[in-house]
Amino acid sequence: MHDIANRKDIELLIREFYSKLLTIEEMKPPFEGLDFEKHIPHIVSFWAFVLLDEEGYKTNVFEKHISLPIKPHMFDIWLNTWLDTVNALYRGEKAELAKQRASVLAFTFKSKWEHLKK
């Protein structure tokens, strides 16, 4: 098993992750109507920025999600699915970084969500 090394690896991770996530019934509503083929390059660019230090991603990720029908506990499901997917596909420094950054992202989103949705 190799480490995450390029955009192709990230795209595989993203596609596998969402194929798993969208089998969970309660995780489907925020993604209904989303054109994944159009959206995947944006997600890949975000993770390439995070993991590979690629320039170009400047969007505020939290703002892109604030209007979605998400409940705080869904961030835990998102994170656990992400961790399982990374562990199934990759081993190494970048894979560990992907898990670490996703953990921080989930914690931050969940904290902000709980604060804003009060």
PDB file of N, CA and C in Angstrom:
ATOM      1  N   MET A   1       0.849  -1.177   0.000  1.00  0.00           N
ATOM      2  CA  MET A   1       0.000   0.000   0.000  1.00  0.00           C
ATOM      3  C   MET A   1       0.893   1.237   0.000  1.00  0.00           C
ATOM      4  N   HIS A   2       0.601   2.183  -0.869  1.00  0.00           N
ATOM      5  CA  HIS A   2       1.439   3.372  -0.965  1.00  0.00           C
ATOM      6  C   HIS A   2       0.777   4.583  -0.308  1.00  0.00           C
ATOM      7  N   ASP A   3       1.491   5.647  -0.246  1.00  0.00           N
ATOM      8  CA  ASP A   3       1.017   6.896   0.349  1.00  0.00           C
ATOM      9  C   ASP A   3       0.308   7.740  -0.707  1.00  0.00           C
ATOM     10  N   ILE A   4      -0.383   8.762  -0.265  1.00  0.00           N
ATOM     11  CA  ILE A   4      -0.987   9.745  -1.160  1.00  0.00           C
ATOM     12  C   ILE A   4       0.155  10.564  -1.759  1.00  0.00           C
ATOM     13  N   ALA A   5       0.242  10.565  -3.082  1.00  0.00           N
ATOM     14  CA  ALA A   5       1.384  11.218  -3.718  1.00  0.00           C
ATOM     15  C   ALA A   5       1.002  12.287  -4.734  1.00  0.00           C
ATOM     16  N   ASN A   6      -0.249  12.249  -5.237  1.00  0.00           N
ATOM     17  CA  ASN A   6      -0.613  13.173  -6.299  1.00  0.00           C
ATOM     18  C   ASN A   6      -2.128  13.362  -6.365  1.00  0.00           C
ATOM     19  N   ARG A   7      -2.561  14.194  -7.304  1.00  0.00           N
ATOM     20  CA  ARG A   7      -3.992  14.477  -7.469  1.00  0.00           C
ATOM     21  C   ARG A   7      -4.789  13.217  -7.825  1.00  0.00           C
ATOM     22  N   LYS A   8      -4.184  12.322  -8.564  1.00  0.00           N
ATOM     23  CA  LYS A   8      -4.866  11.072  -8.933  1.00  0.00           C
ATOM     24  C   LYS A   8      -5.196  10.263  -7.680  1.00  0.00           C
ATOM     25  N   ASP A   9      -4.254  10.202  -6.750  1.00  0.00           N
ATOM     26  CA  ASP A   9      -4.494   9.502  -5.482  1.00  0.00           C
ATOM     27  C   ASP A   9      -5.614  10.186  -4.698  1.00  0.00           C
ATOM     28  N   ILE A  10      -5.610  11.506  -4.704  1.00  0.00           N
ATOM     29  CA  ILE A  10      -6.642  12.251  -3.978  1.00  0.00           C
ATOM     30  C   ILE A  10      -8.004  12.027  -4.630  1.00  0.00           C
ATOM     31  N   GLU A  11      -8.043  12.031  -5.955  1.00  0.00           N
ATOM     32  CA  GLU A  11      -9.327  11.802  -6.627  1.00  0.00           C
ATOM     33  C   GLU A  11      -9.882  10.421  -6.295  1.00  0.00           C
ATOM     34  N   LEU A  12      -9.022   9.409  -6.279  1.00  0.00           N
ATOM     35  CA  LEU A  12      -9.472   8.069  -5.892  1.00  0.00           C
ATOM     36  C   LEU A  12     -10.028   8.090  -4.471  1.00  0.00           C
ATOM     37  N   LEU A  13      -9.322   8.738  -3.569  1.00  0.00           N
ATOM     38  CA  LEU A  13      -9.780   8.856  -2.182  1.00  0.00           C
ATOM     39  C   LEU A  13     -11.156   9.524  -2.115  1.00  0.00           C
ATOM     40  N   ILE A  14     -11.323  10.625  -2.824  1.00  0.00           N
ATOM     41  CA  ILE A  14     -12.585  11.363  -2.798  1.00  0.00           C
ATOM     42  C   ILE A  14     -13.726  10.512  -3.361  1.00  0.00           C
ATOM     43  N   ARG A  15     -13.486   9.871  -4.475  1.00  0.00           N
ATOM     44  CA  ARG A  15     -14.538   9.041  -5.081  1.00  0.00           C
ATOM     45  C   ARG A  15     -14.918   7.866  -4.183  1.00  0.00           C
ATOM     46  N   GLU A  16     -13.933   7.211  -3.602  1.00  0.00           N
ATOM     47  CA  GLU A  16     -14.207   6.091  -2.695  1.00  0.00           C
ATOM     48  C   GLU A  16     -14.942   6.576  -1.442  1.00  0.00           C
ATOM     49  N   PHE A  17     -14.478   7.699  -0.910  1.00  0.00           N
ATOM     50  CA  PHE A  17     -15.089   8.265   0.289  1.00  0.00           C
ATOM     51  C   PHE A  17     -16.569   8.563   0.063  1.00  0.00           C
ATOM     52  N   TYR A  18     -16.882   9.278  -1.003  1.00  0.00           N
ATOM     53  CA  TYR A  18     -18.281   9.626  -1.244  1.00  0.00           C
ATOM     54  C   TYR A  18     -19.124   8.420  -1.621  1.00  0.00           C
ATOM     55  N   SER A  19     -18.533   7.438  -2.268  1.00  0.00           N
ATOM     56  CA  SER A  19     -19.317   6.235  -2.572  1.00  0.00           C
ATOM     57  C   SER A  19     -19.711   5.522  -1.273  1.00  0.00           C
ATOM     58  N   LYS A  20     -18.849   5.571  -0.260  1.00  0.00           N
ATOM     59  CA  LYS A  20     -19.176   4.987   1.050  1.00  0.00           C
ATOM     60  C   LYS A  20     -20.145   5.880   1.823  1.00  0.00           C
ATOM     61  N   LEU A  21     -19.853   7.170   1.847  1.00  0.00           N
ATOM     62  CA  LEU A  21     -20.661   8.105   2.633  1.00  0.00           C
ATOM     63  C   LEU A  21     -22.113   8.112   2.170  1.00  0.00           C
ATOM     64  N   LEU A  22     -22.320   8.045   0.872  1.00  0.00           N
ATOM     65  CA  LEU A  22     -23.676   8.142   0.341  1.00  0.00           C
ATOM     66  C   LEU A  22     -24.465   6.844   0.429  1.00  0.00           C
ATOM     67  N   THR A  23     -23.868   5.804   1.027  1.00  0.00           N
ATOM     68  CA  THR A  23     -24.646   4.600   1.334  1.00  0.00           C
ATOM     69  C   THR A  23     -25.302   4.729   2.702  1.00  0.00           C
ATOM     70  N   ILE A  24     -24.942   5.767   3.445  1.00  0.00           N
ATOM     71  CA  ILE A  24     -25.508   6.015   4.772  1.00  0.00           C
ATOM     72  C   ILE A  24     -26.707   6.941   4.593  1.00  0.00           C
ATOM     73  N   GLU A  25     -27.894   6.414   4.860  1.00  0.00           N
ATOM     74  CA  GLU A  25     -29.138   7.140   4.576  1.00  0.00           C
ATOM     75  C   GLU A  25     -29.158   8.568   5.123  1.00  0.00           C
ATOM     76  N   GLU A  26     -28.780   8.748   6.369  1.00  0.00           N
ATOM     77  CA  GLU A  26     -28.881  10.091   6.949  1.00  0.00           C
ATOM     78  C   GLU A  26     -27.855  11.066   6.382  1.00  0.00           C
ATOM     79  N   MET A  27     -26.889  10.567   5.640  1.00  0.00           N
ATOM     80  CA  MET A  27     -25.887  11.447   5.028  1.00  0.00           C
ATOM     81  C   MET A  27     -26.281  11.890   3.620  1.00  0.00           C
ATOM     82  N   LYS A  28     -27.330  11.343   3.075  1.00  0.00           N
ATOM     83  CA  LYS A  28     -27.738  11.678   1.706  1.00  0.00           C
ATOM     84  C   LYS A  28     -28.332  13.082   1.539  1.00  0.00           C
ATOM     85  N   PRO A  29     -29.183  13.573   2.470  1.00  0.00           N
ATOM     86  CA  PRO A  29     -29.855  14.853   2.224  1.00  0.00           C
ATOM     87  C   PRO A  29     -28.944  16.038   1.864  1.00  0.00           C
ATOM     88  N   PRO A  30     -27.802  16.248   2.514  1.00  0.00           N
ATOM     89  CA  PRO A  30     -26.985  17.409   2.131  1.00  0.00           C
ATOM     90  C   PRO A  30     -26.442  17.333   0.705  1.00  0.00           C
ATOM     91  N   PHE A  31     -26.449  16.146   0.124  1.00  0.00           N
ATOM     92  CA  PHE A  31     -25.842  15.960  -1.194  1.00  0.00           C
ATOM     93  C   PHE A  31     -26.857  15.792  -2.319  1.00  0.00           C
ATOM     94  N   GLU A  32     -28.143  15.817  -1.955  1.00  0.00           N
ATOM     95  CA  GLU A  32     -29.176  15.651  -2.983  1.00  0.00           C
ATOM     96  C   GLU A  32     -29.103  16.808  -3.975  1.00  0.00           C
ATOM     97  N   GLY A  33     -29.123  16.469  -5.230  1.00  0.00           N
ATOM     98  CA  GLY A  33     -29.094  17.475  -6.281  1.00  0.00           C
ATOM     99  C   GLY A  33     -27.700  17.961  -6.647  1.00  0.00           C
ATOM    100  N   LEU A  34     -26.680  17.475  -5.940  1.00  0.00           N
ATOM    101  CA  LEU A  34     -25.312  17.897  -6.236  1.00  0.00           C
ATOM    102  C   LEU A  34     -24.780  17.132  -7.441  1.00  0.00           C
ATOM    103  N   ASP A  35     -24.225  17.846  -8.386  1.00  0.00           N
ATOM    104  CA  ASP A  35     -23.591  17.237  -9.548  1.00  0.00           C
ATOM    105  C   ASP A  35     -22.159  16.875  -9.144  1.00  0.00           C
ATOM    106  N   PHE A  36     -21.963  15.617  -8.734  1.00  0.00           N
ATOM    107  CA  PHE A  36     -20.659  15.199  -8.218  1.00  0.00           C
ATOM    108  C   PHE A  36     -19.555  15.318  -9.256  1.00  0.00           C
ATOM    109  N   GLU A  37     -19.858  15.018 -10.500  1.00  0.00           N
ATOM    110  CA  GLU A  37     -18.815  15.104 -11.526  1.00  0.00           C
ATOM    111  C   GLU A  37     -18.317  16.543 -11.675  1.00  0.00           C
ATOM    112  N   LYS A  38     -19.188  17.486 -11.465  1.00  0.00           N
ATOM    113  CA  LYS A  38     -18.788  18.894 -11.529  1.00  0.00           C
ATOM    114  C   LYS A  38     -18.080  19.323 -10.236  1.00  0.00           C
ATOM    115  N   HIS A  39     -18.487  18.753  -9.125  1.00  0.00           N
ATOM    116  CA  HIS A  39     -17.994  19.163  -7.808  1.00  0.00           C
ATOM    117  C   HIS A  39     -16.678  18.480  -7.410  1.00  0.00           C
ATOM    118  N   ILE A  40     -16.455  17.270  -7.875  1.00  0.00           N
ATOM    119  CA  ILE A  40     -15.261  16.511  -7.476  1.00  0.00           C
ATOM    120  C   ILE A  40     -13.960  17.265  -7.741  1.00  0.00           C
ATOM    121  N   PRO A  41     -13.785  17.918  -8.889  1.00  0.00           N
ATOM    122  CA  PRO A  41     -12.528  18.663  -9.082  1.00  0.00           C
ATOM    123  C   PRO A  41     -12.273  19.722  -8.006  1.00  0.00           C
ATOM    124  N   HIS A  42     -13.334  20.333  -7.497  1.00  0.00           N
ATOM    125  CA  HIS A  42     -13.183  21.329  -6.429  1.00  0.00           C
ATOM    126  C   HIS A  42     -12.728  20.676  -5.129  1.00  0.00           C
ATOM    127  N   ILE A  43     -13.305  19.514  -4.828  1.00  0.00           N
ATOM    128  CA  ILE A  43     -12.923  18.791  -3.613  1.00  0.00           C
ATOM    129  C   ILE A  43     -11.474  18.308  -3.733  1.00  0.00           C
ATOM    130  N   VAL A  44     -11.124  17.810  -4.898  1.00  0.00           N
ATOM    131  CA  VAL A  44      -9.749  17.363  -5.137  1.00  0.00           C
ATOM    132  C   VAL A  44      -8.791  18.543  -4.984  1.00  0.00           C
ATOM    133  N   SER A  45      -9.154  19.690  -5.522  1.00  0.00           N
ATOM    134  CA  SER A  45      -8.294  20.880  -5.396  1.00  0.00           C
ATOM    135  C   SER A  45      -8.111  21.280  -3.937  1.00  0.00           C
ATOM    136  N   PHE A  46      -9.185  21.198  -3.158  1.00  0.00           N
ATOM    137  CA  PHE A  46      -9.079  21.521  -1.735  1.00  0.00           C
ATOM    138  C   PHE A  46      -8.071  20.594  -1.053  1.00  0.00           C
ATOM    139  N   TRP A  47      -8.222  19.282  -1.267  1.00  0.00           N
ATOM    140  CA  TRP A  47      -7.330  18.329  -0.601  1.00  0.00           C
ATOM    141  C   TRP A  47      -5.919  18.367  -1.177  1.00  0.00           C
ATOM    142  N   ALA A  48      -5.762  18.735  -2.437  1.00  0.00           N
ATOM    143  CA  ALA A  48      -4.419  18.909  -3.010  1.00  0.00           C
ATOM    144  C   ALA A  48      -3.741  20.111  -2.364  1.00  0.00           C
ATOM    145  N   PHE A  49      -4.508  21.133  -2.065  1.00  0.00           N
ATOM    146  CA  PHE A  49      -4.003  22.303  -1.344  1.00  0.00           C
ATOM    147  C   PHE A  49      -3.560  21.882   0.061  1.00  0.00           C
ATOM    148  N   VAL A  50      -4.400  21.120   0.736  1.00  0.00           N
ATOM    149  CA  VAL A  50      -4.139  20.695   2.113  1.00  0.00           C
ATOM    150  C   VAL A  50      -2.975  19.705   2.204  1.00  0.00           C
ATOM    151  N   LEU A  51      -2.948  18.730   1.319  1.00  0.00           N
ATOM    152  CA  LEU A  51      -1.986  17.627   1.439  1.00  0.00           C
ATOM    153  C   LEU A  51      -0.727  17.783   0.598  1.00  0.00           C
ATOM    154  N   LEU A  52      -0.846  18.439  -0.538  1.00  0.00           N
ATOM    155  CA  LEU A  52       0.281  18.521  -1.469  1.00  0.00           C
ATOM    156  C   LEU A  52       0.824  19.937  -1.611  1.00  0.00           C
ATOM    157  N   ASP A  53       0.251  20.864  -0.838  1.00  0.00           N
ATOM    158  CA  ASP A  53       0.659  22.271  -0.885  1.00  0.00           C
ATOM    159  C   ASP A  53       0.494  22.887  -2.270  1.00  0.00           C
ATOM    160  N   GLU A  54      -0.475  22.400  -3.027  1.00  0.00           N
ATOM    161  CA  GLU A  54      -0.749  22.984  -4.341  1.00  0.00           C
ATOM    162  C   GLU A  54      -1.467  24.312  -4.153  1.00  0.00           C
ATOM    163  N   GLU A  55      -1.075  25.287  -4.917  1.00  0.00           N
ATOM    164  CA  GLU A  55      -1.712  26.600  -4.861  1.00  0.00           C
ATOM    165  C   GLU A  55      -3.007  26.584  -5.655  1.00  0.00           C
ATOM    166  N   GLY A  56      -3.805  27.593  -5.401  1.00  0.00           N
ATOM    167  CA  GLY A  56      -4.978  27.793  -6.227  1.00  0.00           C
ATOM    168  C   GLY A  56      -6.304  27.692  -5.515  1.00  0.00           C
ATOM    169  N   TYR A  57      -6.389  26.994  -4.400  1.00  0.00           N
ATOM    170  CA  TYR A  57      -7.672  26.855  -3.716  1.00  0.00           C
ATOM    171  C   TYR A  57      -7.833  28.001  -2.728  1.00  0.00           C
ATOM    172  N   LYS A  58      -8.851  28.843  -2.953  1.00  0.00           N
ATOM    173  CA  LYS A  58      -9.031  30.019  -2.103  1.00  0.00           C
ATOM    174  C   LYS A  58     -10.447  30.144  -1.536  1.00  0.00           C
ATOM    175  N   THR A  59     -11.274  29.163  -1.765  1.00  0.00           N
ATOM    176  CA  THR A  59     -12.660  29.207  -1.320  1.00  0.00           C
ATOM    177  C   THR A  59     -12.767  28.948   0.181  1.00  0.00           C
ATOM    178  N   ASN A  60     -13.699  29.631   0.841  1.00  0.00           N
ATOM    179  CA  ASN A  60     -13.976  29.378   2.250  1.00  0.00           C
ATOM    180  C   ASN A  60     -14.872  28.140   2.331  1.00  0.00           C
ATOM    181  N   VAL A  61     -14.308  27.049   2.765  1.00  0.00           N
ATOM    182  CA  VAL A  61     -15.013  25.773   2.775  1.00  0.00           C
ATOM    183  C   VAL A  61     -16.225  25.815   3.701  1.00  0.00           C
ATOM    184  N   PHE A  62     -16.089  26.426   4.856  1.00  0.00           N
ATOM    185  CA  PHE A  62     -17.206  26.474   5.797  1.00  0.00           C
ATOM    186  C   PHE A  62     -18.393  27.217   5.197  1.00  0.00           C
ATOM    187  N   GLU A  63     -18.144  28.351   4.582  1.00  0.00           N
ATOM    188  CA  GLU A  63     -19.227  29.140   3.981  1.00  0.00           C
ATOM    189  C   GLU A  63     -19.963  28.364   2.889  1.00  0.00           C
ATOM    190  N   LYS A  64     -19.254  27.507   2.185  1.00  0.00           N
ATOM    191  CA  LYS A  64     -19.874  26.699   1.128  1.00  0.00           C
ATOM    192  C   LYS A  64     -20.864  25.675   1.687  1.00  0.00           C
ATOM    193  N   HIS A  65     -20.736  25.345   2.976  1.00  0.00           N
ATOM    194  CA  HIS A  65     -21.558  24.296   3.564  1.00  0.00           C
ATOM    195  C   HIS A  65     -22.639  24.805   4.526  1.00  0.00           C
ATOM    196  N   ILE A  66     -22.572  26.061   4.913  1.00  0.00           N
ATOM    197  CA  ILE A  66     -23.439  26.575   5.972  1.00  0.00           C
ATOM    198  C   ILE A  66     -24.933  26.460   5.649  1.00  0.00           C
ATOM    199  N   SER A  67     -25.309  26.510   4.400  1.00  0.00           N
ATOM    200  CA  SER A  67     -26.729  26.460   4.049  1.00  0.00           C
ATOM    201  C   SER A  67     -27.260  25.032   3.894  1.00  0.00           C
ATOM    202  N   LEU A  68     -26.399  24.055   4.031  1.00  0.00           N
ATOM    203  CA  LEU A  68     -26.825  22.665   3.836  1.00  0.00           C
ATOM    204  C   LEU A  68     -27.541  22.110   5.068  1.00  0.00           C
ATOM    205  N   PRO A  69     -28.447  21.142   4.853  1.00  0.00           N
ATOM    206  CA  PRO A  69     -29.173  20.533   5.975  1.00  0.00           C
ATOM    207  C   PRO A  69     -28.303  19.522   6.726  1.00  0.00           C
ATOM    208  N   ILE A  70     -27.382  20.046   7.505  1.00  0.00           N
ATOM    209  CA  ILE A  70     -26.435  19.202   8.237  1.00  0.00           C
ATOM    210  C   ILE A  70     -26.702  19.331   9.734  1.00  0.00           C
ATOM    211  N   LYS A  71     -26.659  18.189  10.422  1.00  0.00           N
ATOM    212  CA  LYS A  71     -26.783  18.167  11.878  1.00  0.00           C
ATOM    213  C   LYS A  71     -25.395  17.906  12.457  1.00  0.00           C
ATOM    214  N   PRO A  72     -25.093  18.453  13.637  1.00  0.00           N
ATOM    215  CA  PRO A  72     -23.742  18.322  14.196  1.00  0.00           C
ATOM    216  C   PRO A  72     -23.190  16.898  14.231  1.00  0.00           C
ATOM    217  N   HIS A  73     -24.003  15.907  14.573  1.00  0.00           N
ATOM    218  CA  HIS A  73     -23.496  14.528  14.656  1.00  0.00           C
ATOM    219  C   HIS A  73     -23.045  13.989  13.291  1.00  0.00           C
ATOM    220  N   MET A  74     -23.496  14.613  12.218  1.00  0.00           N
ATOM    221  CA  MET A  74     -23.119  14.158  10.879  1.00  0.00           C
ATOM    222  C   MET A  74     -21.632  14.376  10.605  1.00  0.00           C
ATOM    223  N   PHE A  75     -21.025  15.328  11.304  1.00  0.00           N
ATOM    224  CA  PHE A  75     -19.585  15.539  11.143  1.00  0.00           C
ATOM    225  C   PHE A  75     -18.794  14.345  11.684  1.00  0.00           C
ATOM    226  N   ASP A  76     -19.330  13.697  12.707  1.00  0.00           N
ATOM    227  CA  ASP A  76     -18.683  12.496  13.239  1.00  0.00           C
ATOM    228  C   ASP A  76     -18.765  11.349  12.229  1.00  0.00           C
ATOM    229  N   ILE A  77     -19.914  11.217  11.598  1.00  0.00           N
ATOM    230  CA  ILE A  77     -20.084  10.179  10.574  1.00  0.00           C
ATOM    231  C   ILE A  77     -19.143  10.464   9.409  1.00  0.00           C
ATOM    232  N   TRP A  78     -19.101  11.732   8.994  1.00  0.00           N
ATOM    233  CA  TRP A  78     -18.214  12.152   7.900  1.00  0.00           C
ATOM    234  C   TRP A  78     -16.768  11.783   8.231  1.00  0.00           C
ATOM    235  N   LEU A  79     -16.346  12.133   9.444  1.00  0.00           N
ATOM    236  CA  LEU A  79     -14.965  11.881   9.839  1.00  0.00           C
ATOM    237  C   LEU A  79     -14.660  10.388   9.897  1.00  0.00           C
ATOM    238  N   ASN A  80     -15.525   9.609  10.513  1.00  0.00           N
ATOM    239  CA  ASN A  80     -15.282   8.168  10.613  1.00  0.00           C
ATOM    240  C   ASN A  80     -15.222   7.512   9.242  1.00  0.00           C
ATOM    241  N   THR A  81     -16.069   7.955   8.330  1.00  0.00           N
ATOM    242  CA  THR A  81     -16.053   7.423   6.967  1.00  0.00           C
ATOM    243  C   THR A  81     -14.759   7.820   6.268  1.00  0.00           C
ATOM    244  N   TRP A  82     -14.325   9.056   6.477  1.00  0.00           N
ATOM    245  CA  TRP A  82     -13.068   9.530   5.884  1.00  0.00           C
ATOM    246  C   TRP A  82     -11.881   8.701   6.403  1.00  0.00           C
ATOM    247  N   LEU A  83     -11.814   8.528   7.705  1.00  0.00           N
ATOM    248  CA  LEU A  83     -10.718   7.763   8.305  1.00  0.00           C
ATOM    249  C   LEU A  83     -10.687   6.329   7.785  1.00  0.00           C
ATOM    250  N   ASP A  84     -11.857   5.706   7.717  1.00  0.00           N
ATOM    251  CA  ASP A  84     -11.934   4.335   7.199  1.00  0.00           C
ATOM    252  C   ASP A  84     -11.459   4.269   5.753  1.00  0.00           C
ATOM    253  N   THR A  85     -11.851   5.262   4.957  1.00  0.00           N
ATOM    254  CA  THR A  85     -11.484   5.264   3.537  1.00  0.00           C
ATOM    255  C   THR A  85      -9.985   5.478   3.360  1.00  0.00           C
ATOM    256  N   VAL A  86      -9.424   6.433   4.083  1.00  0.00           N
ATOM    257  CA  VAL A  86      -7.976   6.659   4.000  1.00  0.00           C
ATOM    258  C   VAL A  86      -7.236   5.396   4.416  1.00  0.00           C
ATOM    259  N   ASN A  87      -7.633   4.794   5.521  1.00  0.00           N
ATOM    260  CA  ASN A  87      -6.961   3.586   6.014  1.00  0.00           C
ATOM    261  C   ASN A  87      -7.054   2.422   5.031  1.00  0.00           C
ATOM    262  N   ALA A  88      -8.149   2.348   4.296  1.00  0.00           N
ATOM    263  CA  ALA A  88      -8.324   1.260   3.334  1.00  0.00           C
ATOM    264  C   ALA A  88      -7.455   1.439   2.088  1.00  0.00           C
ATOM    265  N   LEU A  89      -7.108   2.684   1.778  1.00  0.00           N
ATOM    266  CA  LEU A  89      -6.403   2.959   0.520  1.00  0.00           C
ATOM    267  C   LEU A  89      -4.920   3.276   0.663  1.00  0.00           C
ATOM    268  N   TYR A  90      -4.533   3.939   1.744  1.00  0.00           N
ATOM    269  CA  TYR A  90      -3.182   4.506   1.809  1.00  0.00           C
ATOM    270  C   TYR A  90      -2.515   4.302   3.162  1.00  0.00           C
ATOM    271  N   ARG A  91      -1.186   4.308   3.127  1.00  0.00           N
ATOM    272  CA  ARG A  91      -0.351   4.290   4.330  1.00  0.00           C
ATOM    273  C   ARG A  91       0.793   5.261   4.099  1.00  0.00           C
ATOM    274  N   GLY A  92       1.130   6.028   5.114  1.00  0.00           N
ATOM    275  CA  GLY A  92       2.274   6.911   4.994  1.00  0.00           C
ATOM    276  C   GLY A  92       2.020   8.282   5.586  1.00  0.00           C
ATOM    277  N   GLU A  93       2.982   9.159   5.409  1.00  0.00           N
ATOM    278  CA  GLU A  93       2.955  10.496   5.991  1.00  0.00           C
ATOM    279  C   GLU A  93       1.765  11.323   5.506  1.00  0.00           C
ATOM    280  N   LYS A  94       1.503  11.318   4.215  1.00  0.00           N
ATOM    281  CA  LYS A  94       0.383  12.102   3.671  1.00  0.00           C
ATOM    282  C   LYS A  94      -0.957  11.513   4.083  1.00  0.00           C
ATOM    283  N   ALA A  95      -1.024  10.199   4.172  1.00  0.00           N
ATOM    284  CA  ALA A  95      -2.259   9.559   4.637  1.00  0.00           C
ATOM    285  C   ALA A  95      -2.548   9.966   6.080  1.00  0.00           C
ATOM    286  N   GLU A  96      -1.511   9.992   6.895  1.00  0.00           N
ATOM    287  CA  GLU A  96      -1.682  10.423   8.289  1.00  0.00           C
ATOM    288  C   GLU A  96      -2.087  11.893   8.347  1.00  0.00           C
ATOM    289  N   LEU A  97      -1.495  12.695   7.485  1.00  0.00           N
ATOM    290  CA  LEU A  97      -1.851  14.116   7.423  1.00  0.00           C
ATOM    291  C   LEU A  97      -3.306  14.283   6.990  1.00  0.00           C
ATOM    292  N   ALA A  98      -3.756  13.475   6.040  1.00  0.00           N
ATOM    293  CA  ALA A  98      -5.152  13.531   5.586  1.00  0.00           C
ATOM    294  C   ALA A  98      -6.107  13.241   6.736  1.00  0.00           C
ATOM    295  N   LYS A  99      -5.746  12.280   7.572  1.00  0.00           N
ATOM    296  CA  LYS A  99      -6.596  11.940   8.721  1.00  0.00           C
ATOM    297  C   LYS A  99      -6.548  13.040   9.778  1.00  0.00           C
ATOM    298  N   GLN A 100      -5.368  13.569  10.011  1.00  0.00           N
ATOM    299  CA  GLN A 100      -5.217  14.640  11.001  1.00  0.00           C
ATOM    300  C   GLN A 100      -5.990  15.891  10.577  1.00  0.00           C
ATOM    301  N   ARG A 101      -5.813  16.303   9.336  1.00  0.00           N
ATOM    302  CA  ARG A 101      -6.486  17.521   8.856  1.00  0.00           C
ATOM    303  C   ARG A 101      -7.997  17.346   8.818  1.00  0.00           C
ATOM    304  N   ALA A 102      -8.456  16.163   8.454  1.00  0.00           N
ATOM    305  CA  ALA A 102      -9.897  15.895   8.455  1.00  0.00           C
ATOM    306  C   ALA A 102     -10.447  15.938   9.871  1.00  0.00           C
ATOM    307  N   SER A 103      -9.695  15.461  10.832  1.00  0.00           N
ATOM    308  CA  SER A 103     -10.132  15.504  12.233  1.00  0.00           C
ATOM    309  C   SER A 103     -10.290  16.942  12.701  1.00  0.00           C
ATOM    310  N   VAL A 104      -9.321  17.776  12.356  1.00  0.00           N
ATOM    311  CA  VAL A 104      -9.399  19.201  12.719  1.00  0.00           C
ATOM    312  C   VAL A 104     -10.570  19.861  12.007  1.00  0.00           C
ATOM    313  N   LEU A 105     -10.742  19.551  10.741  1.00  0.00           N
ATOM    314  CA  LEU A 105     -11.834  20.123   9.961  1.00  0.00           C
ATOM    315  C   LEU A 105     -13.187  19.735  10.551  1.00  0.00           C
ATOM    316  N   ALA A 106     -13.369  18.468  10.869  1.00  0.00           N
ATOM    317  CA  ALA A 106     -14.634  17.998  11.441  1.00  0.00           C
ATOM    318  C   ALA A 106     -14.894  18.668  12.783  1.00  0.00           C
ATOM    319  N   PHE A 107     -13.874  18.756  13.624  1.00  0.00           N
ATOM    320  CA  PHE A 107     -14.025  19.411  14.929  1.00  0.00           C
ATOM    321  C   PHE A 107     -14.409  20.881  14.753  1.00  0.00           C
ATOM    322  N   THR A 108     -13.723  21.562  13.860  1.00  0.00           N
ATOM    323  CA  THR A 108     -13.972  22.981  13.637  1.00  0.00           C
ATOM    324  C   THR A 108     -15.378  23.209  13.081  1.00  0.00           C
ATOM    325  N   PHE A 109     -15.737  22.436  12.070  1.00  0.00           N
ATOM    326  CA  PHE A 109     -17.071  22.582  11.484  1.00  0.00           C
ATOM    327  C   PHE A 109     -18.150  22.296  12.529  1.00  0.00           C
ATOM    328  N   LYS A 110     -17.989  21.219  13.274  1.00  0.00           N
ATOM    329  CA  LYS A 110     -18.988  20.843  14.272  1.00  0.00           C
ATOM    330  C   LYS A 110     -19.119  21.931  15.329  1.00  0.00           C
ATOM    331  N   SER A 111     -18.012  22.461  15.788  1.00  0.00           N
ATOM    332  CA  SER A 111     -18.036  23.528  16.801  1.00  0.00           C
ATOM    333  C   SER A 111     -18.725  24.775  16.273  1.00  0.00           C
ATOM    334  N   LYS A 112     -18.366  25.189  15.066  1.00  0.00           N
ATOM    335  CA  LYS A 112     -18.997  26.367  14.465  1.00  0.00           C
ATOM    336  C   LYS A 112     -20.467  26.132  14.228  1.00  0.00           C
ATOM    337  N   TRP A 113     -20.802  24.931  13.758  1.00  0.00           N
ATOM    338  CA  TRP A 113     -22.185  24.579  13.453  1.00  0.00           C
ATOM    339  C   TRP A 113     -23.050  24.674  14.706  1.00  0.00           C
ATOM    340  N   GLU A 114     -22.551  24.086  15.786  1.00  0.00           N
ATOM    341  CA  GLU A 114     -23.310  24.120  17.037  1.00  0.00           C
ATOM    342  C   GLU A 114     -23.506  25.544  17.528  1.00  0.00           C
ATOM    343  N   HIS A 115     -22.488  26.378  17.353  1.00  0.00           N
ATOM    344  CA  HIS A 115     -22.572  27.776  17.780  1.00  0.00           C
ATOM    345  C   HIS A 115     -23.557  28.563  16.906  1.00  0.00           C
ATOM    346  N   LEU A 116     -23.496  28.377  15.596  1.00  0.00           N
ATOM    347  CA  LEU A 116     -24.335  29.138  14.680  1.00  0.00           C
ATOM    348  C   LEU A 116     -25.787  28.682  14.681  1.00  0.00           C
ATOM    349  N   LYS A 117     -26.013  27.430  14.947  1.00  0.00           N
ATOM    350  CA  LYS A 117     -27.367  26.867  14.836  1.00  0.00           C
ATOM    351  C   LYS A 117     -28.150  26.956  16.152  1.00  0.00           C
ATOM    352  N   LYS A 118     -27.593  27.622  17.158  1.00  0.00           N
ATOM    353  CA  LYS A 118     -28.296  27.764  18.440  1.00  0.00           C
ATOM    354  C   LYS A 118     -29.451  28.727  18.317  1.00  0.00           C
TER     355      LYS A 118
END
